[in-house]
C-alpha atoms as a PDB file:
ATOM      1  CA  MET A   1     117.505 117.911  21.354  1.00  0.00           C
ATOM      2  CA  ALA A   2     117.044 117.864  17.522  1.00  0.00           C
ATOM      3  CA  GLY A   3     119.265 114.949  16.690  1.00  0.00           C
ATOM      4  CA  PHE A   4     117.802 112.940  19.845  1.00  0.00           C
ATOM      5  CA  LEU A   5     114.213 113.416  18.526  1.00  0.00           C
ATOM      6  CA  ASP A   6     115.058 112.283  15.161  1.00  0.00           C
ATOM      7  CA  ALA A   7     116.804 109.461  15.885  1.00  0.00           C
ATOM      8  CA  LEU A   8     113.601 108.511  18.306  1.00  0.00           C
ATOM      9  CA  THR A   9     111.767 107.827  15.282  1.00  0.00           C
ATOM     10  CA  THR A  10     114.083 105.539  13.679  1.00  0.00           C
ATOM     11  CA  GLN A  11     116.290 103.725  16.614  1.00  0.00           C
ATOM     12  CA  THR A  12     114.545 100.818  18.398  1.00  0.00           C
ATOM     13  CA  PHE A  13     117.290 100.435  21.134  1.00  0.00           C
ATOM     14  CA  LEU A  14     116.276 104.740  21.927  1.00  0.00           C
ATOM     15  CA  GLN A  15     113.000 103.644  21.620  1.00  0.00           C
ATOM     16  CA  ASN A  16     113.037 100.812  24.490  1.00  0.00           C
ATOM     17  CA  ALA A  17     115.446 103.079  26.404  1.00  0.00           C
ATOM     18  CA  LEU A  18     112.400 105.945  26.500  1.00  0.00           C
ATOM     19  CA  TRP A  19     110.212 103.044  27.184  1.00  0.00           C
ATOM     20  CA  GLY A  20     112.468 101.748  30.086  1.00  0.00           C
ATOM     21  CA  SER A  21     112.840 105.251  31.921  1.00  0.00           C
ATOM     22  CA  LEU A  22     108.752 105.951  31.915  1.00  0.00           C
ATOM     23  CA  LEU A  23     108.137 102.574  33.088  1.00  0.00           C
ATOM     24  CA  ALA A  24     110.817 102.754  35.903  1.00  0.00           C
ATOM     25  CA  SER A  25     109.277 106.336  36.950  1.00  0.00           C
ATOM     26  CA  ILE A  26     106.076 104.650  37.601  1.00  0.00           C
ATOM     27  CA  ALA A  27     107.978 102.139  39.962  1.00  0.00           C
ATOM     28  CA  CYS A  28     110.043 105.222  41.677  1.00  0.00           C
ATOM     29  CA  GLY A  29     107.258 107.169  41.803  1.00  0.00           C
ATOM     30  CA  ILE A  30     104.620 104.952  43.616  1.00  0.00           C
ATOM     31  CA  ILE A  31     107.495 103.422  46.336  1.00  0.00           C
ATOM     32  CA  GLY A  32     109.847 106.450  46.502  1.00  0.00           C
ATOM     33  CA  PRO A  33     107.456 108.531  48.765  1.00  0.00           C
ATOM     34  CA  TYR A  34     107.457 105.860  51.325  1.00  0.00           C
ATOM     35  CA  VAL A  35     111.285 105.395  51.600  1.00  0.00           C
ATOM     36  CA  VAL A  36     111.394 109.569  52.031  1.00  0.00           C
ATOM     37  CA  VAL A  37     108.269 109.342  54.524  1.00  0.00           C
ATOM     38  CA  ARG A  38     109.935 106.283  56.414  1.00  0.00           C
ATOM     39  CA  LYS A  39     113.790 107.358  55.743  1.00  0.00           C
ATOM     40  CA  ILE A  40     114.878 104.573  54.897  1.00  0.00           C
ATOM     41  CA  GLY A  41     117.240 104.941  52.053  1.00  0.00           C
ATOM     42  CA  TYR A  42     120.023 103.339  53.420  1.00  0.00           C
ATOM     43  CA  LEU A  43     118.038 100.399  53.752  1.00  0.00           C
ATOM     44  CA  ALA A  44     117.078 100.441  50.273  1.00  0.00           C
ATOM     45  CA  GLY A  45     120.813 100.921  49.207  1.00  0.00           C
ATOM     46  CA  GLY A  46     121.423  97.998  51.328  1.00  0.00           C
ATOM     47  CA  ILE A  47     119.132  96.034  49.014  1.00  0.00           C
ATOM     48  CA  ALA A  48     120.606  97.574  46.049  1.00  0.00           C
ATOM     49  CA  HIS A  49     124.266  96.709  46.551  1.00  0.00           C
ATOM     50  CA  ALA A  50     122.679  92.592  47.788  1.00  0.00           C
ATOM     51  CA  VAL A  51     121.661  92.501  44.191  1.00  0.00           C
ATOM     52  CA  LEU A  52     124.960  92.284  42.617  1.00  0.00           C
ATOM     53  CA  GLY A  53     125.505  88.826  44.429  1.00  0.00           C
ATOM     54  CA  GLY A  54     122.156  87.743  42.752  1.00  0.00           C
ATOM     55  CA  MET A  55     123.224  88.532  39.527  1.00  0.00           C
ATOM     56  CA  GLY A  56     126.411  87.296  39.862  1.00  0.00           C
ATOM     57  CA  ALA A  57     125.412  83.850  40.866  1.00  0.00           C
ATOM     58  CA  ALA A  58     123.177  83.906  38.067  1.00  0.00           C
ATOM     59  CA  TYR A  59     125.511  84.706  35.444  1.00  0.00           C
ATOM     60  CA  PHE A  60     127.594  81.958  36.767  1.00  0.00           C
ATOM     61  CA  LEU A  61     124.532  79.393  36.539  1.00  0.00           C
ATOM     62  CA  GLY A  62     123.690  80.559  32.869  1.00  0.00           C
ATOM     63  CA  LYS A  63     120.402  81.791  34.501  1.00  0.00           C
ATOM     64  CA  SER A  64     119.010  85.095  33.815  1.00  0.00           C
ATOM     65  CA  PRO A  65     120.719  88.078  35.926  1.00  0.00           C
ATOM     66  CA  ILE A  66     117.520  89.850  36.253  1.00  0.00           C
ATOM     67  CA  GLY A  67     115.587  86.930  37.738  1.00  0.00           C
ATOM     68  CA  GLY A  68     118.653  86.533  40.053  1.00  0.00           C
ATOM     69  CA  ALA A  69     118.390  89.997  40.988  1.00  0.00           C
ATOM     70  CA  LEU A  70     115.114  89.837  41.962  1.00  0.00           C
ATOM     71  CA  VAL A  71     115.744  86.860  44.270  1.00  0.00           C
ATOM     72  CA  ALA A  72     118.612  88.521  45.871  1.00  0.00           C
ATOM     73  CA  ALA A  73     116.694  91.713  46.626  1.00  0.00           C
ATOM     74  CA  LEU A  74     113.317  90.112  47.885  1.00  0.00           C
ATOM     75  CA  GLY A  75     116.240  87.684  50.276  1.00  0.00           C
ATOM     76  CA  ALA A  76     117.809  90.776  51.464  1.00  0.00           C
ATOM     77  CA  ALA A  77     114.641  92.784  52.285  1.00  0.00           C
ATOM     78  CA  LEU A  78     112.883  90.112  53.943  1.00  0.00           C
ATOM     79  CA  LEU A  79     116.386  89.513  56.189  1.00  0.00           C
ATOM     80  CA  ILE A  80     116.345  92.850  56.761  1.00  0.00           C
ATOM     81  CA  GLY A  81     112.747  93.190  57.956  1.00  0.00           C
ATOM     82  CA  TRP A  82     112.829  90.077  60.065  1.00  0.00           C
ATOM     83  CA  VAL A  83     116.248  91.576  61.934  1.00  0.00           C
ATOM     84  CA  SER A  84     115.045  94.851  62.179  1.00  0.00           C
ATOM     85  CA  SER A  85     112.000  93.498  63.901  1.00  0.00           C
ATOM     86  CA  ARG A  86     113.644  91.788  66.868  1.00  0.00           C
ATOM     87  CA  GLU A  87     117.208  93.731  66.867  1.00  0.00           C
ATOM     88  CA  HIS A  88     116.487  96.968  66.069  1.00  0.00           C
ATOM     89  CA  ARG A  89     120.058  98.109  66.711  1.00  0.00           C
ATOM     90  CA  GLN A  90     121.939  95.314  64.753  1.00  0.00           C
ATOM     91  CA  GLU A  91     119.650  96.496  61.641  1.00  0.00           C
ATOM     92  CA  ASP A  92     122.459  99.031  60.677  1.00  0.00           C
ATOM     93  CA  ILE A  93     125.049  96.523  60.919  1.00  0.00           C
ATOM     94  CA  LEU A  94     122.975  93.985  59.052  1.00  0.00           C
ATOM     95  CA  ILE A  95     122.487  96.492  56.128  1.00  0.00           C
ATOM     96  CA  GLY A  96     126.285  96.990  56.209  1.00  0.00           C
ATOM     97  CA  ALA A  97     127.039  93.669  55.560  1.00  0.00           C
ATOM     98  CA  LEU A  98     125.052  92.915  52.994  1.00  0.00           C
ATOM     99  CA  TRP A  99     126.058  95.921  51.047  1.00  0.00           C
ATOM    100  CA  ALA A 100     129.742  94.669  51.193  1.00  0.00           C
ATOM    101  CA  VAL A 101     128.960  91.078  51.194  1.00  0.00           C
ATOM    102  CA  GLY A 102     126.582  91.400  47.659  1.00  0.00           C
ATOM    103  CA  MET A 103     129.173  93.240  45.991  1.00  0.00           C
ATOM    104  CA  ALA A 104     132.057  91.391  46.774  1.00  0.00           C
ATOM    105  CA  SER A 105     130.210  87.935  45.952  1.00  0.00           C
ATOM    106  CA  GLY A 106     128.705  89.405  42.839  1.00  0.00           C
ATOM    107  CA  ILE A 107     132.450  90.281  41.536  1.00  0.00           C
ATOM    108  CA  LEU A 108     133.614  87.002  42.593  1.00  0.00           C
ATOM    109  CA  PHE A 109     130.913  85.121  40.684  1.00  0.00           C
ATOM    110  CA  ILE A 110     131.339  87.265  37.463  1.00  0.00           C
ATOM    111  CA  SER A 111     135.020  86.973  37.639  1.00  0.00           C
ATOM    112  CA  ARG A 112     134.486  83.119  37.756  1.00  0.00           C
ATOM    113  CA  THR A 113     131.706  83.068  34.878  1.00  0.00           C
ATOM    114  CA  PRO A 114     133.094  80.813  32.289  1.00  0.00           C
ATOM    115  CA  GLY A 115     133.037  81.748  28.486  1.00  0.00           C
ATOM    116  CA  TYR A 116     132.981  85.540  28.192  1.00  0.00           C
ATOM    117  CA  ASN A 117     133.586  88.454  30.713  1.00  0.00           C
ATOM    118  CA  VAL A 118     130.298  90.570  31.789  1.00  0.00           C
ATOM    119  CA  ASP A 119     130.872  94.442  31.777  1.00  0.00           C
ATOM    120  CA  LEU A 120     130.598  95.253  35.583  1.00  0.00           C
ATOM    121  CA  MET A 121     130.385  98.566  35.056  1.00  0.00           C
ATOM    122  CA  SER A 122     127.210  98.463  33.249  1.00  0.00           C
ATOM    123  CA  TYR A 123     125.788  96.796  36.742  1.00  0.00           C
ATOM    124  CA  LEU A 124     127.061  99.611  38.617  1.00  0.00           C
ATOM    125  CA  PHE A 125     126.337 102.580  36.436  1.00  0.00           C
ATOM    126  CA  GLY A 126     123.318 101.079  34.392  1.00  0.00           C
ATOM    127  CA  ASN A 127     123.416 100.721  30.577  1.00  0.00           C
ATOM    128  CA  ILE A 128     119.700 101.866  29.923  1.00  0.00           C
ATOM    129  CA  LEU A 129     120.365 102.073  25.979  1.00  0.00           C
ATOM    130  CA  MET A 130     121.117  98.219  26.081  1.00  0.00           C
ATOM    131  CA  ILE A 131     117.720  97.272  27.619  1.00  0.00           C
ATOM    132  CA  PRO A 132     116.121  94.323  25.624  1.00  0.00           C
ATOM    133  CA  ALA A 133     112.494  94.962  24.759  1.00  0.00           C
ATOM    134  CA  HIS A 134     111.638  91.162  26.816  1.00  0.00           C
ATOM    135  CA  ASN A 135     112.696  93.434  29.838  1.00  0.00           C
ATOM    136  CA  LEU A 136     110.618  96.197  29.342  1.00  0.00           C
ATOM    137  CA  LYS A 137     107.565  93.354  29.537  1.00  0.00           C
ATOM    138  CA  LEU A 138     108.759  92.309  32.705  1.00  0.00           C
ATOM    139  CA  ILE A 139     109.419  95.591  33.982  1.00  0.00           C
ATOM    140  CA  ALA A 140     105.792  96.742  33.043  1.00  0.00           C
ATOM    141  CA  LEU A 141     104.518  93.163  34.977  1.00  0.00           C
ATOM    142  CA  LEU A 142     106.239  94.577  38.132  1.00  0.00           C
ATOM    143  CA  ASP A 143     105.139  98.377  37.966  1.00  0.00           C
ATOM    144  CA  ALA A 144     101.433  96.817  37.551  1.00  0.00           C
ATOM    145  CA  GLY A 145     102.129  94.301  40.757  1.00  0.00           C
ATOM    146  CA  ILE A 146     103.596  97.513  42.732  1.00  0.00           C
ATOM    147  CA  ALA A 147     100.487  99.675  41.789  1.00  0.00           C
ATOM    148  CA  ILE A 148      97.750  97.092  42.770  1.00  0.00           C
ATOM    149  CA  ILE A 149      99.488  96.105  45.815  1.00  0.00           C
ATOM    150  CA  VAL A 150      99.760  99.672  46.717  1.00  0.00           C
ATOM    151  CA  ILE A 151      96.208 100.444  45.783  1.00  0.00           C
ATOM    152  CA  LEU A 152      94.909  97.468  48.129  1.00  0.00           C
ATOM    153  CA  PHE A 153      96.606  98.085  51.193  1.00  0.00           C
ATOM    154  CA  PHE A 154      97.624 102.162  50.621  1.00  0.00           C
ATOM    155  CA  LYS A 155      95.716 103.088  54.220  1.00  0.00           C
ATOM    156  CA  GLN A 156      97.650 100.246  56.063  1.00  0.00           C
ATOM    157  CA  PHE A 157     100.722 101.285  54.255  1.00  0.00           C
ATOM    158  CA  LEU A 158      99.900 104.885  55.110  1.00  0.00           C
ATOM    159  CA  ALA A 159      99.322 103.972  58.992  1.00  0.00           C
ATOM    160  CA  VAL A 160     102.701 102.216  59.072  1.00  0.00           C
ATOM    161  CA  SER A 161     104.870 104.824  57.429  1.00  0.00           C
ATOM    162  CA  PHE A 162     103.405 107.471  59.922  1.00  0.00           C
ATOM    163  CA  ASP A 163     102.554 106.101  63.158  1.00  0.00           C
ATOM    164  CA  GLN A 164     103.241 102.436  63.775  1.00  0.00           C
ATOM    165  CA  GLU A 165     102.022 102.784  67.327  1.00  0.00           C
ATOM    166  CA  PHE A 166      98.666 103.711  66.140  1.00  0.00           C
ATOM    167  CA  ALA A 167      98.605 101.345  63.307  1.00  0.00           C
ATOM    168  CA  ARG A 168      99.255  98.530  65.905  1.00  0.00           C
ATOM    169  CA  LEU A 169      96.115 100.050  68.142  1.00  0.00           C
ATOM    170  CA  ARG A 170      94.064 100.111  64.924  1.00  0.00           C
ATOM    171  CA  GLY A 171      95.132  96.284  64.799  1.00  0.00           C
ATOM    172  CA  ILE A 172      97.293  96.411  61.507  1.00  0.00           C
ATOM    173  CA  ARG A 173      99.818  94.104  61.496  1.00  0.00           C
ATOM    174  CA  VAL A 174     102.511  96.258  61.283  1.00  0.00           C
ATOM    175  CA  GLN A 175     105.402  93.776  61.011  1.00  0.00           C
ATOM    176  CA  LEU A 176     103.426  92.289  57.631  1.00  0.00           C
ATOM    177  CA  PHE A 177     103.276  95.214  56.234  1.00  0.00           C
ATOM    178  CA  HIS A 178     106.522  96.533  57.073  1.00  0.00           C
ATOM    179  CA  GLN A 179     108.012  93.347  55.230  1.00  0.00           C
ATOM    180  CA  LEU A 180     105.465  93.822  52.569  1.00  0.00           C
ATOM    181  CA  LEU A 181     106.831  97.609  52.079  1.00  0.00           C
ATOM    182  CA  LEU A 182     110.396  96.573  52.068  1.00  0.00           C
ATOM    183  CA  ALA A 183     109.954  93.535  48.830  1.00  0.00           C
ATOM    184  CA  LEU A 184     108.299  96.568  47.213  1.00  0.00           C
ATOM    185  CA  VAL A 185     111.206  98.283  47.752  1.00  0.00           C
ATOM    186  CA  ALA A 186     113.499  95.663  46.638  1.00  0.00           C
ATOM    187  CA  VAL A 187     111.263  95.130  43.538  1.00  0.00           C
ATOM    188  CA  THR A 188     111.630  98.710  42.777  1.00  0.00           C
ATOM    189  CA  VAL A 189     115.547  98.689  43.112  1.00  0.00           C
ATOM    190  CA  VAL A 190     115.660  95.890  40.344  1.00  0.00           C
ATOM    191  CA  ILE A 191     113.876  97.757  38.100  1.00  0.00           C
ATOM    192  CA  LEU A 192     115.955 100.904  38.753  1.00  0.00           C
ATOM    193  CA  ILE A 193     118.984  99.073  38.213  1.00  0.00           C
ATOM    194  CA  GLN A 194     118.425  98.730  34.604  1.00  0.00           C
ATOM    195  CA  VAL A 195     118.292 102.583  34.140  1.00  0.00           C
ATOM    196  CA  VAL A 196     120.810 103.892  36.384  1.00  0.00           C
ATOM    197  CA  GLY A 197     122.528 101.268  37.995  1.00  0.00           C
ATOM    198  CA  LEU A 198     123.182 100.030  41.649  1.00  0.00           C
ATOM    199  CA  VAL A 199     125.648 102.680  42.402  1.00  0.00           C
ATOM    200  CA  LEU A 200     122.967 105.691  41.311  1.00  0.00           C
ATOM    201  CA  VAL A 201     119.841 103.870  41.749  1.00  0.00           C
ATOM    202  CA  ILE A 202     118.862 105.457  45.344  1.00  0.00           C
ATOM    203  CA  ALA A 203     119.140 109.223  44.147  1.00  0.00           C
ATOM    204  CA  LEU A 204     116.576 108.247  41.468  1.00  0.00           C
ATOM    205  CA  LEU A 205     114.322 106.666  43.902  1.00  0.00           C
ATOM    206  CA  THR A 206     114.357 109.158  46.306  1.00  0.00           C
ATOM    207  CA  ILE A 207     114.682 112.638  44.330  1.00  0.00           C
ATOM    208  CA  PRO A 208     111.693 112.835  42.817  1.00  0.00           C
ATOM    209  CA  ALA A 209     109.763 111.669  45.692  1.00  0.00           C
ATOM    210  CA  ALA A 210     111.603 114.427  48.209  1.00  0.00           C
ATOM    211  CA  ILE A 211     110.774 117.155  45.245  1.00  0.00           C
ATOM    212  CA  ALA A 212     107.408 116.376  45.084  1.00  0.00           C
ATOM    213  CA  GLY A 213     107.360 116.485  48.973  1.00  0.00           C
ATOM    214  CA  HIS A 214     108.090 120.383  48.575  1.00  0.00           C
ATOM    215  CA  TYR A 215     104.827 120.720  46.898  1.00  0.00           C
ATOM    216  CA  THR A 216     102.259 118.691  48.218  1.00  0.00           C
ATOM    217  CA  GLY A 217     101.741 116.785  51.756  1.00  0.00           C
ATOM    218  CA  THR A 218      99.556 114.274  50.980  1.00  0.00           C
ATOM    219  CA  LEU A 219     101.132 110.818  49.938  1.00  0.00           C
ATOM    220  CA  GLY A 220      98.812 110.408  47.076  1.00  0.00           C
ATOM    221  CA  ARG A 221      99.340 113.532  45.466  1.00  0.00           C
ATOM    222  CA  MET A 222     103.003 113.170  46.367  1.00  0.00           C
ATOM    223  CA  MET A 223     103.129 109.600  44.215  1.00  0.00           C
ATOM    224  CA  LEU A 224     101.533 111.289  40.998  1.00  0.00           C
ATOM    225  CA  LEU A 225     103.927 114.067  41.223  1.00  0.00           C
ATOM    226  CA  ALA A 226     106.707 111.924  41.616  1.00  0.00           C
ATOM    227  CA  ILE A 227     105.878 109.945  38.551  1.00  0.00           C
ATOM    228  CA  LEU A 228     105.604 113.175  36.480  1.00  0.00           C
ATOM    229  CA  LEU A 229     109.366 114.624  37.908  1.00  0.00           C
ATOM    230  CA  GLY A 230     110.609 110.851  36.942  1.00  0.00           C
ATOM    231  CA  ALA A 231     109.498 111.004  33.542  1.00  0.00           C
ATOM    232  CA  LEU A 232     110.838 114.180  32.882  1.00  0.00           C
ATOM    233  CA  ILE A 233     114.184 113.461  34.601  1.00  0.00           C
ATOM    234  CA  THR A 234     114.760 110.301  32.766  1.00  0.00           C
ATOM    235  CA  THR A 235     113.575 111.609  29.322  1.00  0.00           C
ATOM    236  CA  GLY A 236     115.545 114.604  30.136  1.00  0.00           C
ATOM    237  CA  GLY A 237     118.569 112.991  31.120  1.00  0.00           C
ATOM    238  CA  LEU A 238     118.244 110.549  28.196  1.00  0.00           C
ATOM    239  CA  ALA A 239     118.258 113.544  25.546  1.00  0.00           C
ATOM    240  CA  LEU A 240     120.933 115.000  27.244  1.00  0.00           C
ATOM    241  CA  SER A 241     123.261 112.284  27.406  1.00  0.00           C
ATOM    242  CA  TYR A 242     122.492 111.317  23.441  1.00  0.00           C
ATOM    243  CA  GLN A 243     124.281 113.997  21.468  1.00  0.00           C
ATOM    244  CA  PRO A 244     127.497 114.206  23.622  1.00  0.00           C
ATOM    245  CA  ASP A 245     127.600 110.345  23.986  1.00  0.00           C
ATOM    246  CA  LEU A 246     127.410 110.846  27.881  1.00  0.00           C
ATOM    247  CA  PRO A 247     126.403 107.947  30.033  1.00  0.00           C
ATOM    248  CA  ALA A 248     123.056 107.638  30.702  1.00  0.00           C
ATOM    249  CA  GLY A 249     122.442 106.896  34.412  1.00  0.00           C
ATOM    250  CA  ALA A 250     124.840 109.212  35.153  1.00  0.00           C
ATOM    251  CA  THR A 251     123.633 111.891  33.505  1.00  0.00           C
ATOM    252  CA  ILE A 252     120.077 111.385  34.419  1.00  0.00           C
ATOM    253  CA  VAL A 253     121.125 111.430  38.257  1.00  0.00           C
ATOM    254  CA  MET A 254     122.695 114.540  37.552  1.00  0.00           C
ATOM    255  CA  LEU A 255     119.713 116.291  36.375  1.00  0.00           C
ATOM    256  CA  ALA A 256     117.712 114.892  39.359  1.00  0.00           C
ATOM    257  CA  GLY A 257     120.348 116.610  41.762  1.00  0.00           C
ATOM    258  CA  ALA A 258     120.022 119.977  39.722  1.00  0.00           C
ATOM    259  CA  ALA A 259     116.400 119.598  39.934  1.00  0.00           C
ATOM    260  CA  TYR A 260     116.182 118.962  43.395  1.00  0.00           C
ATOM    261  CA  LEU A 261     118.855 121.943  44.414  1.00  0.00           C
ATOM    262  CA  VAL A 262     116.392 124.082  41.936  1.00  0.00           C
ATOM    263  CA  SER A 263     113.538 122.793  44.119  1.00  0.00           C
ATOM    264  CA  CYS A 264     115.106 123.668  47.532  1.00  0.00           C
ATOM    265  CA  LEU A 265     115.976 127.309  46.239  1.00  0.00           C
ATOM    266  CA  VAL A 266     112.678 127.822  45.194  1.00  0.00           C
ATOM    267  CA  LYS A 267     111.169 126.300  48.281  1.00  0.00           C
ATOM    268  CA  ALA A 268     113.479 128.946  50.320  1.00  0.00           C
ATOM    269  CA  CYS A 269     112.491 131.844  48.289  1.00  0.00           C
ATOM    270  CA  ARG A 270     108.434 130.928  48.981  1.00  0.00           C
ATOM    271  CA  ARG A 271     109.065 131.224  52.558  1.00  0.00           C
END
C-alpha cells in the first residue's frame, strides 16, 4: 500500500487511473440501483457486449473507439427497449443475439483493421492504467449528464422502476422513461468498460448497488451509498493490484465480490 501511495504522487498514469475509477463510481452508483431494482442485469450485459461491434467498427474506420462504443450502446439500448415494448417474449432472444453478434462483429472489424493489431484483451477485461487524460473529461461530462437527467426525472424513474401500472395511471409516459433509463444504462456501460472491461462491467454496475440495498430501503440513499462503495472498491482494487502487478479490472471485481459476500454474511447475522 505504501508503494502505491508513493507512486500516486509521482506517476501521472496512476493519477489518471484513480480519477477514472472515482468518476466511474459516480455513474455506476447512480444507475446501478435502477439495474438492481428492475432486475435488468442481463439486459445491461447484452448492451455491454454489443459495444464491441461499435468499437471495432470505429477502429476500422479510424475513429475514436469510445465514440463507436457510445453509438453502439445507445443503438442496442433503443432496439431492446423498442422490442420489449412490443414482443416481451422475444426480449431475451434479442439480447442474446446482440450479445453474440456484437462480440463477433467487433472481433472481425478489429482483425481487419490495417496498420496495427488492437489489444482485444484490454477491451474484454479493462486496462484502467492506460486511460488517457482526455477520456477523463469525457467521463466527467457523461457523469454530469447522467446526474442531471436522473435529478430532473427522479420521480418518473422511481415510478417506472417499482410499479409501471401505477405510473401509467398517473399519466407517466412509461415507454419513454423506460427507453431513457436504458439509454442511461448504455452510457454507464461505456464509462465502466474503460475501468473493468466488457466481461466484468456488470459486476461493477450491480455489486455496489446490491450491497447498498442491504442497508437502506430508499433509492436516493441507495445511490449515495453505492457511489461511496464503488469509490472504495475501485480505489482499493487499484491499490491491491499495483504492487504484485495484477490486472486492475479483475482485482477490482474480485474485491467487489468479496465485499458482497461479507455484506451477505453480515445481513444474515443481523437477522
